[in-house]
Amino acid sequence: MMTGLIFILYGIIILIYVVTYFFIVYHLVRYSLKPSLNTIILPIFIVGSALLLISNVMLFFAIDWRIFFANFPVNLR
């Protein structure tokens, strides 16, 4: 039961991350002071953000949540 709640909360966090990501990309493109720098800044931001998201998801799914909560000091079941 607790693992389902963890996955739902993590999904919400990922959704917020993706919405924020598109918000930042939109503003980098739309309101850039030097549009010529977009050819450098955007790929760095896009690749960096994608790598951070992928590594975060991989680390999240590498955790065995049942063992984590079994060893938790407070019984949350």
PDB file of N, CA and C in Angstrom:
ATOM      1  N   MET A   1       0.819  -1.200   0.000  1.00  0.00           N
ATOM      2  CA  MET A   1       0.000   0.000   0.000  1.00  0.00           C
ATOM      3  C   MET A   1       0.864   1.265   0.000  1.00  0.00           C
ATOM      4  N   MET A   2       1.865   1.256   0.857  1.00  0.00           N
ATOM      5  CA  MET A   2       2.713   2.437   0.959  1.00  0.00           C
ATOM      6  C   MET A   2       3.522   2.651  -0.317  1.00  0.00           C
ATOM      7  N   THR A   3       3.913   1.552  -0.991  1.00  0.00           N
ATOM      8  CA  THR A   3       4.691   1.707  -2.219  1.00  0.00           C
ATOM      9  C   THR A   3       3.857   2.343  -3.321  1.00  0.00           C
ATOM     10  N   GLY A   4       2.562   2.035  -3.373  1.00  0.00           N
ATOM     11  CA  GLY A   4       1.693   2.672  -4.363  1.00  0.00           C
ATOM     12  C   GLY A   4       1.618   4.171  -4.162  1.00  0.00           C
ATOM     13  N   LEU A   5       1.540   4.589  -2.905  1.00  0.00           N
ATOM     14  CA  LEU A   5       1.504   6.016  -2.592  1.00  0.00           C
ATOM     15  C   LEU A   5       2.812   6.686  -2.982  1.00  0.00           C
ATOM     16  N   ILE A   6       3.920   6.006  -2.742  1.00  0.00           N
ATOM     17  CA  ILE A   6       5.236   6.549  -3.119  1.00  0.00           C
ATOM     18  C   ILE A   6       5.318   6.752  -4.629  1.00  0.00           C
ATOM     19  N   PHE A   7       4.836   5.765  -5.415  1.00  0.00           N
ATOM     20  CA  PHE A   7       4.882   5.876  -6.874  1.00  0.00           C
ATOM     21  C   PHE A   7       3.979   7.003  -7.373  1.00  0.00           C
ATOM     22  N   ILE A   8       2.829   7.186  -6.757  1.00  0.00           N
ATOM     23  CA  ILE A   8       1.926   8.279  -7.149  1.00  0.00           C
ATOM     24  C   ILE A   8       2.568   9.632  -6.855  1.00  0.00           C
ATOM     25  N   LEU A   9       3.137   9.783  -5.675  1.00  0.00           N
ATOM     26  CA  LEU A   9       3.789  11.047  -5.324  1.00  0.00           C
ATOM     27  C   LEU A   9       4.994  11.325  -6.221  1.00  0.00           C
ATOM     28  N   TYR A  10       5.744  10.274  -6.544  1.00  0.00           N
ATOM     29  CA  TYR A  10       6.891  10.450  -7.434  1.00  0.00           C
ATOM     30  C   TYR A  10       6.429  10.838  -8.840  1.00  0.00           C
ATOM     31  N   GLY A  11       5.332  10.250  -9.297  1.00  0.00           N
ATOM     32  CA  GLY A  11       4.774  10.614 -10.601  1.00  0.00           C
ATOM     33  C   GLY A  11       4.370  12.077 -10.649  1.00  0.00           C
ATOM     34  N   ILE A  12       3.804  12.570  -9.547  1.00  0.00           N
ATOM     35  CA  ILE A  12       3.427  13.991  -9.474  1.00  0.00           C
ATOM     36  C   ILE A  12       4.673  14.872  -9.540  1.00  0.00           C
ATOM     37  N   ILE A  13       5.725  14.469  -8.852  1.00  0.00           N
ATOM     38  CA  ILE A  13       6.974  15.235  -8.882  1.00  0.00           C
ATOM     39  C   ILE A  13       7.560  15.258 -10.288  1.00  0.00           C
ATOM     40  N   ILE A  14       7.535  14.119 -10.976  1.00  0.00           N
ATOM     41  CA  ILE A  14       8.049  14.061 -12.349  1.00  0.00           C
ATOM     42  C   ILE A  14       7.217  14.944 -13.272  1.00  0.00           C
ATOM     43  N   LEU A  15       5.902  14.923 -13.093  1.00  0.00           N
ATOM     44  CA  LEU A  15       5.023  15.770 -13.900  1.00  0.00           C
ATOM     45  C   LEU A  15       5.338  17.245 -13.684  1.00  0.00           C
ATOM     46  N   ILE A  16       5.547  17.646 -12.445  1.00  0.00           N
ATOM     47  CA  ILE A  16       5.912  19.034 -12.145  1.00  0.00           C
ATOM     48  C   ILE A  16       7.256  19.387 -12.780  1.00  0.00           C
ATOM     49  N   TYR A  17       8.203  18.450 -12.734  1.00  0.00           N
ATOM     50  CA  TYR A  17       9.517  18.660 -13.352  1.00  0.00           C
ATOM     51  C   TYR A  17       9.373  18.897 -14.857  1.00  0.00           C
ATOM     52  N   VAL A  18       8.566  18.080 -15.523  1.00  0.00           N
ATOM     53  CA  VAL A  18       8.399  18.198 -16.976  1.00  0.00           C
ATOM     54  C   VAL A  18       7.708  19.511 -17.336  1.00  0.00           C
ATOM     55  N   VAL A  19       6.689  19.897 -16.581  1.00  0.00           N
ATOM     56  CA  VAL A  19       5.998  21.168 -16.853  1.00  0.00           C
ATOM     57  C   VAL A  19       6.967  22.335 -16.652  1.00  0.00           C
ATOM     58  N   THR A  20       7.740  22.286 -15.592  1.00  0.00           N
ATOM     59  CA  THR A  20       8.723  23.341 -15.342  1.00  0.00           C
ATOM     60  C   THR A  20       9.784  23.378 -16.440  1.00  0.00           C
ATOM     61  N   TYR A  21      10.180  22.207 -16.902  1.00  0.00           N
ATOM     62  CA  TYR A  21      11.151  22.093 -17.991  1.00  0.00           C
ATOM     63  C   TYR A  21      10.653  22.822 -19.238  1.00  0.00           C
ATOM     64  N   PHE A  22       9.399  22.550 -19.655  1.00  0.00           N
ATOM     65  CA  PHE A  22       8.862  23.219 -20.837  1.00  0.00           C
ATOM     66  C   PHE A  22       8.679  24.712 -20.602  1.00  0.00           C
ATOM     67  N   PHE A  23       8.335  25.106 -19.377  1.00  0.00           N
ATOM     68  CA  PHE A  23       8.204  26.515 -19.032  1.00  0.00           C
ATOM     69  C   PHE A  23       9.537  27.231 -19.216  1.00  0.00           C
ATOM     70  N   ILE A  24      10.610  26.619 -18.752  1.00  0.00           N
ATOM     71  CA  ILE A  24      11.946  27.223 -18.867  1.00  0.00           C
ATOM     72  C   ILE A  24      12.396  27.278 -20.322  1.00  0.00           C
ATOM     73  N   VAL A  25      12.182  26.196 -21.072  1.00  0.00           N
ATOM     74  CA  VAL A  25      12.572  26.185 -22.491  1.00  0.00           C
ATOM     75  C   VAL A  25      11.813  27.261 -23.254  1.00  0.00           C
ATOM     76  N   TYR A  26      10.518  27.385 -23.000  1.00  0.00           N
ATOM     77  CA  TYR A  26       9.715  28.411 -23.669  1.00  0.00           C
ATOM     78  C   TYR A  26      10.278  29.803 -23.396  1.00  0.00           C
ATOM     79  N   HIS A  27      10.599  30.078 -22.141  1.00  0.00           N
ATOM     80  CA  HIS A  27      11.096  31.402 -21.808  1.00  0.00           C
ATOM     81  C   HIS A  27      12.523  31.637 -22.301  1.00  0.00           C
ATOM     82  N   LEU A  28      13.318  30.586 -22.375  1.00  0.00           N
ATOM     83  CA  LEU A  28      14.652  30.746 -22.962  1.00  0.00           C
ATOM     84  C   LEU A  28      14.553  31.107 -24.442  1.00  0.00           C
ATOM     85  N   VAL A  29      13.609  30.492 -25.141  1.00  0.00           N
ATOM     86  CA  VAL A  29      13.446  30.762 -26.574  1.00  0.00           C
ATOM     87  C   VAL A  29      12.791  32.116 -26.794  1.00  0.00           C
ATOM     88  N   ARG A  30      11.762  32.392 -26.057  1.00  0.00           N
ATOM     89  CA  ARG A  30      10.938  33.584 -26.303  1.00  0.00           C
ATOM     90  C   ARG A  30      11.610  34.878 -25.840  1.00  0.00           C
ATOM     91  N   TYR A  31      12.251  34.857 -24.680  1.00  0.00           N
ATOM     92  CA  TYR A  31      12.736  36.096 -24.079  1.00  0.00           C
ATOM     93  C   TYR A  31      14.261  36.145 -23.955  1.00  0.00           C
ATOM     94  N   SER A  32      14.955  35.508 -24.845  1.00  0.00           N
ATOM     95  CA  SER A  32      16.410  35.520 -24.808  1.00  0.00           C
ATOM     96  C   SER A  32      16.939  36.905 -25.193  1.00  0.00           C
ATOM     97  N   LEU A  33      17.925  37.369 -24.447  1.00  0.00           N
ATOM     98  CA  LEU A  33      18.516  38.677 -24.760  1.00  0.00           C
ATOM     99  C   LEU A  33      19.352  38.605 -26.025  1.00  0.00           C
ATOM    100  N   LYS A  34      20.013  37.473 -26.237  1.00  0.00           N
ATOM    101  CA  LYS A  34      20.795  37.259 -27.447  1.00  0.00           C
ATOM    102  C   LYS A  34      20.300  35.973 -28.098  1.00  0.00           C
ATOM    103  N   PRO A  35      19.456  36.085 -29.099  1.00  0.00           N
ATOM    104  CA  PRO A  35      18.927  34.873 -29.745  1.00  0.00           C
ATOM    105  C   PRO A  35      20.010  33.970 -30.334  1.00  0.00           C
ATOM    106  N   SER A  36      21.167  34.543 -30.655  1.00  0.00           N
ATOM    107  CA  SER A  36      22.237  33.719 -31.208  1.00  0.00           C
ATOM    108  C   SER A  36      22.788  32.728 -30.166  1.00  0.00           C
ATOM    109  N   LEU A  37      22.625  33.036 -28.885  1.00  0.00           N
ATOM    110  CA  LEU A  37      23.092  32.134 -27.842  1.00  0.00           C
ATOM    111  C   LEU A  37      22.166  30.933 -27.638  1.00  0.00           C
ATOM    112  N   ASN A  38      20.957  31.008 -28.192  1.00  0.00           N
ATOM    113  CA  ASN A  38      20.018  29.889 -28.057  1.00  0.00           C
ATOM    114  C   ASN A  38      20.568  28.608 -28.668  1.00  0.00           C
ATOM    115  N   THR A  39      21.395  28.737 -29.696  1.00  0.00           N
ATOM    116  CA  THR A  39      21.958  27.538 -30.328  1.00  0.00           C
ATOM    117  C   THR A  39      22.931  26.822 -29.398  1.00  0.00           C
ATOM    118  N   ILE A  40      23.450  27.537 -28.400  1.00  0.00           N
ATOM    119  CA  ILE A  40      24.363  26.935 -27.430  1.00  0.00           C
ATOM    120  C   ILE A  40      23.618  26.560 -26.146  1.00  0.00           C
ATOM    121  N   ILE A  41      22.816  27.478 -25.646  1.00  0.00           N
ATOM    122  CA  ILE A  41      22.163  27.303 -24.353  1.00  0.00           C
ATOM    123  C   ILE A  41      21.093  26.215 -24.387  1.00  0.00           C
ATOM    124  N   LEU A  42      20.255  26.215 -25.406  1.00  0.00           N
ATOM    125  CA  LEU A  42      19.157  25.251 -25.451  1.00  0.00           C
ATOM    126  C   LEU A  42      19.611  23.793 -25.496  1.00  0.00           C
ATOM    127  N   PRO A  43      20.540  23.423 -26.363  1.00  0.00           N
ATOM    128  CA  PRO A  43      20.969  22.010 -26.340  1.00  0.00           C
ATOM    129  C   PRO A  43      21.604  21.595 -25.009  1.00  0.00           C
ATOM    130  N   ILE A  44      22.379  22.501 -24.408  1.00  0.00           N
ATOM    131  CA  ILE A  44      22.984  22.183 -23.112  1.00  0.00           C
ATOM    132  C   ILE A  44      21.900  21.977 -22.069  1.00  0.00           C
ATOM    133  N   PHE A  45      20.917  22.857 -22.035  1.00  0.00           N
ATOM    134  CA  PHE A  45      19.834  22.743 -21.052  1.00  0.00           C
ATOM    135  C   PHE A  45      18.996  21.494 -21.308  1.00  0.00           C
ATOM    136  N   ILE A  46      18.660  21.231 -22.562  1.00  0.00           N
ATOM    137  CA  ILE A  46      17.819  20.086 -22.888  1.00  0.00           C
ATOM    138  C   ILE A  46      18.521  18.773 -22.544  1.00  0.00           C
ATOM    139  N   VAL A  47      19.773  18.635 -22.959  1.00  0.00           N
ATOM    140  CA  VAL A  47      20.517  17.398 -22.682  1.00  0.00           C
ATOM    141  C   VAL A  47      20.765  17.250 -21.182  1.00  0.00           C
ATOM    142  N   GLY A  48      21.150  18.324 -20.531  1.00  0.00           N
ATOM    143  CA  GLY A  48      21.399  18.272 -19.084  1.00  0.00           C
ATOM    144  C   GLY A  48      20.149  17.901 -18.302  1.00  0.00           C
ATOM    145  N   SER A  49      19.030  18.504 -18.647  1.00  0.00           N
ATOM    146  CA  SER A  49      17.776  18.207 -17.960  1.00  0.00           C
ATOM    147  C   SER A  49      17.316  16.777 -18.216  1.00  0.00           C
ATOM    148  N   ALA A  50      17.471  16.317 -19.451  1.00  0.00           N
ATOM    149  CA  ALA A  50      17.082  14.942 -19.770  1.00  0.00           C
ATOM    150  C   ALA A  50      17.948  13.943 -19.016  1.00  0.00           C
ATOM    151  N   LEU A  51      19.251  14.189 -18.947  1.00  0.00           N
ATOM    152  CA  LEU A  51      20.137  13.294 -18.204  1.00  0.00           C
ATOM    153  C   LEU A  51      19.813  13.272 -16.718  1.00  0.00           C
ATOM    154  N   LEU A  52      19.500  14.432 -16.152  1.00  0.00           N
ATOM    155  CA  LEU A  52      19.112  14.487 -14.746  1.00  0.00           C
ATOM    156  C   LEU A  52      17.818  13.715 -14.501  1.00  0.00           C
ATOM    157  N   LEU A  53      16.857  13.870 -15.394  1.00  0.00           N
ATOM    158  CA  LEU A  53      15.588  13.166 -15.236  1.00  0.00           C
ATOM    159  C   LEU A  53      15.776  11.657 -15.364  1.00  0.00           C
ATOM    160  N   ILE A  54      16.532  11.228 -16.352  1.00  0.00           N
ATOM    161  CA  ILE A  54      16.762   9.799 -16.560  1.00  0.00           C
ATOM    162  C   ILE A  54      17.507   9.192 -15.369  1.00  0.00           C
ATOM    163  N   SER A  55      18.539   9.871 -14.880  1.00  0.00           N
ATOM    164  CA  SER A  55      19.287   9.334 -13.741  1.00  0.00           C
ATOM    165  C   SER A  55      18.418   9.294 -12.490  1.00  0.00           C
ATOM    166  N   ASN A  56      17.565  10.295 -12.312  1.00  0.00           N
ATOM    167  CA  ASN A  56      16.678  10.318 -11.162  1.00  0.00           C
ATOM    168  C   ASN A  56      15.688   9.157 -11.208  1.00  0.00           C
ATOM    169  N   VAL A  57      15.102   8.910 -12.364  1.00  0.00           N
ATOM    170  CA  VAL A  57      14.143   7.810 -12.508  1.00  0.00           C
ATOM    171  C   VAL A  57      14.838   6.464 -12.301  1.00  0.00           C
ATOM    172  N   MET A  58      16.035   6.306 -12.835  1.00  0.00           N
ATOM    173  CA  MET A  58      16.766   5.048 -12.666  1.00  0.00           C
ATOM    174  C   MET A  58      17.092   4.799 -11.196  1.00  0.00           C
ATOM    175  N   LEU A  59      17.512   5.830 -10.496  1.00  0.00           N
ATOM    176  CA  LEU A  59      17.817   5.674  -9.074  1.00  0.00           C
ATOM    177  C   LEU A  59      16.565   5.395  -8.257  1.00  0.00           C
ATOM    178  N   PHE A  60      15.454   6.028  -8.614  1.00  0.00           N
ATOM    179  CA  PHE A  60      14.203   5.804  -7.894  1.00  0.00           C
ATOM    180  C   PHE A  60      13.746   4.357  -8.027  1.00  0.00           C
ATOM    181  N   PHE A  61      13.810   3.806  -9.236  1.00  0.00           N
ATOM    182  CA  PHE A  61      13.359   2.439  -9.448  1.00  0.00           C
ATOM    183  C   PHE A  61      14.385   1.403  -8.985  1.00  0.00           C
ATOM    184  N   ALA A  62      15.591   1.824  -8.649  1.00  0.00           N
ATOM    185  CA  ALA A  62      16.591   0.903  -8.122  1.00  0.00           C
ATOM    186  C   ALA A  62      16.357   0.602  -6.640  1.00  0.00           C
ATOM    187  N   ILE A  63      15.542   1.404  -5.979  1.00  0.00           N
ATOM    188  CA  ILE A  63      15.263   1.216  -4.559  1.00  0.00           C
ATOM    189  C   ILE A  63      14.188   0.150  -4.400  1.00  0.00           C
ATOM    190  N   ASP A  64      14.427  -0.783  -3.503  1.00  0.00           N
ATOM    191  CA  ASP A  64      13.398  -1.763  -3.150  1.00  0.00           C
ATOM    192  C   ASP A  64      12.586  -1.162  -2.001  1.00  0.00           C
ATOM    193  N   TRP A  65      11.431  -0.632  -2.320  1.00  0.00           N
ATOM    194  CA  TRP A  65      10.642   0.128  -1.362  1.00  0.00           C
ATOM    195  C   TRP A  65      10.086  -0.740  -0.234  1.00  0.00           C
ATOM    196  N   ARG A  66       9.814  -2.015  -0.495  1.00  0.00           N
ATOM    197  CA  ARG A  66       9.292  -2.900   0.559  1.00  0.00           C
ATOM    198  C   ARG A  66      10.346  -3.090   1.652  1.00  0.00           C
ATOM    199  N   ILE A  67      11.587  -3.299   1.234  1.00  0.00           N
ATOM    200  CA  ILE A  67      12.666  -3.450   2.218  1.00  0.00           C
ATOM    201  C   ILE A  67      12.909  -2.130   2.937  1.00  0.00           C
ATOM    202  N   PHE A  68      12.842  -1.042   2.202  1.00  0.00           N
ATOM    203  CA  PHE A  68      13.051   0.278   2.804  1.00  0.00           C
ATOM    204  C   PHE A  68      12.048   0.527   3.921  1.00  0.00           C
ATOM    205  N   PHE A  69      10.759   0.265   3.661  1.00  0.00           N
ATOM    206  CA  PHE A  69       9.747   0.522   4.674  1.00  0.00           C
ATOM    207  C   PHE A  69       9.722  -0.549   5.753  1.00  0.00           C
ATOM    208  N   ALA A  70      10.209  -1.747   5.454  1.00  0.00           N
ATOM    209  CA  ALA A  70      10.300  -2.785   6.482  1.00  0.00           C
ATOM    210  C   ALA A  70      11.350  -2.401   7.516  1.00  0.00           C
ATOM    211  N   ASN A  71      12.396  -1.715   7.096  1.00  0.00           N
ATOM    212  CA  ASN A  71      13.465  -1.308   7.999  1.00  0.00           C
ATOM    213  C   ASN A  71      13.285   0.110   8.530  1.00  0.00           C
ATOM    214  N   PHE A  72      12.170   0.733   8.202  1.00  0.00           N
ATOM    215  CA  PHE A  72      11.900   2.097   8.641  1.00  0.00           C
ATOM    216  C   PHE A  72      11.680   2.096  10.155  1.00  0.00           C
ATOM    217  N   PRO A  73      12.200   3.078  10.889  1.00  0.00           N
ATOM    218  CA  PRO A  73      12.055   3.059  12.351  1.00  0.00           C
ATOM    219  C   PRO A  73      10.602   3.090  12.832  1.00  0.00           C
ATOM    220  N   VAL A  74       9.746   3.788  12.125  1.00  0.00           N
ATOM    221  CA  VAL A  74       8.339   3.891  12.507  1.00  0.00           C
ATOM    222  C   VAL A  74       7.540   2.989  11.593  1.00  0.00           C
ATOM    223  N   ASN A  75       6.684   2.177  12.138  1.00  0.00           N
ATOM    224  CA  ASN A  75       5.878   1.263  11.327  1.00  0.00           C
ATOM    225  C   ASN A  75       4.771   2.052  10.637  1.00  0.00           C
ATOM    226  N   LEU A  76       4.848   2.172   9.305  1.00  0.00           N
ATOM    227  CA  LEU A  76       3.885   2.972   8.551  1.00  0.00           C
ATOM    228  C   LEU A  76       2.801   2.119   7.920  1.00  0.00           C
ATOM    229  N   ARG A  77       2.761   0.836   8.203  1.00  0.00           N
ATOM    230  CA  ARG A  77       1.748  -0.036   7.591  1.00  0.00           C
ATOM    231  C   ARG A  77       0.416   0.092   8.235  1.00  0.00           C
TER     232      ARG A  77
END
